Amino acid sequence: MDRLRAAADAAPGRVAVRTTDCLGPCGQANVVVVQPSAGGRRDGGRPTWIGWALDDETTDDLLAWALAGGPGVAEPPATLELQFIRPPGEARARARAAGSDG
């Protein structure tokens, strides 16, 4: 958290940090959501959920991606993509849709 907050302080308007107790998929904690910038959203970027954000390497990848522009602007590091998870609402909707197929 200290590194994320320091990055937000060093890049006001580009990086913001907000915390909460649990975003839902607690079995995949720590969960970080990277929001797209306005420009990234215009270019198709959507909030990206990343699970298991527990080590310095993941923090390095998160910060590099966010500072490069984040979703819709910059490609995420390949190692970070391996940690992408579905948002809880999307996961529930998929489960409901799969249950209605049978």
C-alpha atoms as a PDB file:
ATOM      1  CA  MET A   1       0.000   0.000   0.000  1.00  0.00           C
ATOM      2  CA  ASP A   2       2.826   2.374   0.790  1.00  0.00           C
ATOM      3  CA  ARG A   3       4.240   2.032  -2.724  1.00  0.00           C
ATOM      4  CA  LEU A   4       0.826   2.479  -4.354  1.00  0.00           C
ATOM      5  CA  ARG A   5       0.116   5.582  -2.266  1.00  0.00           C
ATOM      6  CA  ALA A   6       3.563   7.014  -3.062  1.00  0.00           C
ATOM      7  CA  ALA A   7       2.896   6.499  -6.776  1.00  0.00           C
ATOM      8  CA  ALA A   8      -0.448   8.270  -6.439  1.00  0.00           C
ATOM      9  CA  ASP A   9       1.228  11.175  -4.652  1.00  0.00           C
ATOM     10  CA  ALA A  10       3.892  11.370  -7.376  1.00  0.00           C
ATOM     11  CA  ALA A  11       1.390  11.193 -10.245  1.00  0.00           C
ATOM     12  CA  PRO A  12      -1.712  13.167  -9.179  1.00  0.00           C
ATOM     13  CA  GLY A  13      -4.524  12.809 -11.660  1.00  0.00           C
ATOM     14  CA  ARG A  14      -2.900   9.729 -13.202  1.00  0.00           C
ATOM     15  CA  VAL A  15      -2.948   7.303 -10.285  1.00  0.00           C
ATOM     16  CA  ALA A  16      -5.459   7.197  -7.443  1.00  0.00           C
ATOM     17  CA  VAL A  17      -5.640   4.695  -4.604  1.00  0.00           C
ATOM     18  CA  ARG A  18      -8.795   3.793  -2.707  1.00  0.00           C
ATOM     19  CA  THR A  19      -9.120   0.924  -0.250  1.00  0.00           C
ATOM     20  CA  THR A  20     -11.936  -1.245   1.042  1.00  0.00           C
ATOM     21  CA  ASP A  21     -12.172  -4.314   3.239  1.00  0.00           C
ATOM     22  CA  CYS A  22     -13.267  -6.747   0.523  1.00  0.00           C
ATOM     23  CA  LEU A  23     -14.361  -6.405  -3.089  1.00  0.00           C
ATOM     24  CA  GLY A  24     -16.062  -9.798  -3.128  1.00  0.00           C
ATOM     25  CA  PRO A  25     -13.641 -12.433  -4.405  1.00  0.00           C
ATOM     26  CA  CYS A  26     -11.860 -12.717  -1.037  1.00  0.00           C
ATOM     27  CA  GLY A  27     -10.417 -16.115  -1.980  1.00  0.00           C
ATOM     28  CA  GLN A  28      -8.311 -14.288  -4.562  1.00  0.00           C
ATOM     29  CA  ALA A  29      -7.096 -11.524  -2.229  1.00  0.00           C
ATOM     30  CA  ASN A  30      -5.529  -9.119  -2.423  1.00  0.00           C
ATOM     31  CA  VAL A  31      -7.696  -7.781  -5.236  1.00  0.00           C
ATOM     32  CA  VAL A  32      -6.843  -4.577  -7.095  1.00  0.00           C
ATOM     33  CA  VAL A  33      -9.070  -2.898  -9.670  1.00  0.00           C
ATOM     34  CA  VAL A  34      -7.319  -0.770 -12.276  1.00  0.00           C
ATOM     35  CA  GLN A  35      -9.718   1.835 -13.663  1.00  0.00           C
ATOM     36  CA  PRO A  36      -9.194   3.255 -17.155  1.00  0.00           C
ATOM     37  CA  SER A  37      -8.560   6.938 -17.639  1.00  0.00           C
ATOM     38  CA  ALA A  38     -11.194   8.951 -19.515  1.00  0.00           C
ATOM     39  CA  GLY A  39      -9.134   8.505 -22.690  1.00  0.00           C
ATOM     40  CA  GLY A  40      -8.712   4.812 -22.003  1.00  0.00           C
ATOM     41  CA  ARG A  41     -12.463   4.409 -21.526  1.00  0.00           C
ATOM     42  CA  ARG A  42     -13.107   6.197 -24.837  1.00  0.00           C
ATOM     43  CA  ASP A  43     -10.724   3.721 -26.456  1.00  0.00           C
ATOM     44  CA  GLY A  44     -12.580   0.733 -25.013  1.00  0.00           C
ATOM     45  CA  GLY A  45     -10.761   0.261 -21.715  1.00  0.00           C
ATOM     46  CA  ARG A  46     -12.798  -1.170 -18.864  1.00  0.00           C
ATOM     47  CA  PRO A  47     -12.026  -1.682 -15.178  1.00  0.00           C
ATOM     48  CA  THR A  48      -9.650  -4.618 -14.843  1.00  0.00           C
ATOM     49  CA  TRP A  49      -9.699  -6.808 -11.763  1.00  0.00           C
ATOM     50  CA  ILE A  50      -6.430  -8.375 -10.648  1.00  0.00           C
ATOM     51  CA  GLY A  51      -6.291 -11.055  -7.972  1.00  0.00           C
ATOM     52  CA  TRP A  52      -3.479 -12.354  -5.805  1.00  0.00           C
ATOM     53  CA  ALA A  53      -1.744  -8.947  -5.762  1.00  0.00           C
ATOM     54  CA  LEU A  54       0.509  -9.867  -2.877  1.00  0.00           C
ATOM     55  CA  ASP A  55       4.125  -9.380  -3.931  1.00  0.00           C
ATOM     56  CA  ASP A  56       6.541  -6.698  -5.080  1.00  0.00           C
ATOM     57  CA  GLU A  57       6.614  -8.009  -8.655  1.00  0.00           C
ATOM     58  CA  THR A  58       2.853  -7.631  -8.981  1.00  0.00           C
ATOM     59  CA  THR A  59       3.056  -4.135  -7.505  1.00  0.00           C
ATOM     60  CA  ASP A  60       5.810  -3.271 -10.018  1.00  0.00           C
ATOM     61  CA  ASP A  61       3.630  -4.534 -12.892  1.00  0.00           C
ATOM     62  CA  LEU A  62       0.541  -2.680 -11.619  1.00  0.00           C
ATOM     63  CA  LEU A  63       2.402   0.596 -11.279  1.00  0.00           C
ATOM     64  CA  ALA A  64       4.151   0.287 -14.647  1.00  0.00           C
ATOM     65  CA  TRP A  65       0.844  -0.433 -16.386  1.00  0.00           C
ATOM     66  CA  ALA A  66      -1.047   2.351 -14.614  1.00  0.00           C
ATOM     67  CA  LEU A  67       1.688   4.905 -15.321  1.00  0.00           C
ATOM     68  CA  ALA A  68       1.807   3.817 -18.981  1.00  0.00           C
ATOM     69  CA  GLY A  69      -1.907   4.633 -19.254  1.00  0.00           C
ATOM     70  CA  GLY A  70      -3.689   1.503 -18.025  1.00  0.00           C
ATOM     71  CA  PRO A  71      -6.717  -0.177 -19.629  1.00  0.00           C
ATOM     72  CA  GLY A  72      -7.541   1.038 -23.131  1.00  0.00           C
ATOM     73  CA  VAL A  73      -4.212   2.858 -23.492  1.00  0.00           C
ATOM     74  CA  ALA A  74      -1.382   0.449 -22.679  1.00  0.00           C
ATOM     75  CA  GLU A  75      -1.051  -3.309 -22.891  1.00  0.00           C
ATOM     76  CA  PRO A  76      -0.731  -4.921 -19.464  1.00  0.00           C
ATOM     77  CA  PRO A  77       2.389  -6.903 -18.651  1.00  0.00           C
ATOM     78  CA  ALA A  78       1.864 -10.559 -19.637  1.00  0.00           C
ATOM     79  CA  THR A  79       2.606 -11.717 -16.097  1.00  0.00           C
ATOM     80  CA  LEU A  80      -0.128  -9.430 -14.770  1.00  0.00           C
ATOM     81  CA  GLU A  81      -2.655 -10.783 -17.278  1.00  0.00           C
ATOM     82  CA  LEU A  82      -2.267 -14.196 -15.650  1.00  0.00           C
ATOM     83  CA  GLN A  83      -3.765 -12.681 -12.503  1.00  0.00           C
ATOM     84  CA  PHE A  84      -6.838 -11.098 -14.144  1.00  0.00           C
ATOM     85  CA  ILE A  85     -10.076 -12.240 -12.510  1.00  0.00           C
ATOM     86  CA  ARG A  86     -13.737 -11.727 -13.307  1.00  0.00           C
ATOM     87  CA  PRO A  87     -15.569  -9.088 -11.291  1.00  0.00           C
ATOM     88  CA  PRO A  88     -18.027 -10.689  -8.838  1.00  0.00           C
ATOM     89  CA  GLY A  89     -21.142  -9.462 -10.702  1.00  0.00           C
ATOM     90  CA  GLU A  90     -19.859 -10.801 -14.006  1.00  0.00           C
ATOM     91  CA  ALA A  91     -18.970 -14.145 -12.463  1.00  0.00           C
ATOM     92  CA  ARG A  92     -22.475 -14.455 -10.935  1.00  0.00           C
ATOM     93  CA  ALA A  93     -24.122 -13.556 -14.262  1.00  0.00           C
ATOM     94  CA  ARG A  94     -22.080 -16.229 -16.070  1.00  0.00           C
ATOM     95  CA  ALA A  95     -23.017 -18.817 -13.437  1.00  0.00           C
ATOM     96  CA  ARG A  96     -26.731 -17.942 -13.773  1.00  0.00           C
ATOM     97  CA  ALA A  97     -26.516 -18.147 -17.570  1.00  0.00           C
ATOM     98  CA  ALA A  98     -24.760 -21.520 -17.391  1.00  0.00           C
ATOM     99  CA  GLY A  99     -27.439 -22.806 -14.981  1.00  0.00           C
ATOM    100  CA  SER A 100     -30.256 -21.777 -17.325  1.00  0.00           C
ATOM    101  CA  ASP A 101     -28.763 -23.787 -20.225  1.00  0.00           C
ATOM    102  CA  GLY A 102     -29.790 -27.094 -18.745  1.00  0.00           C
END
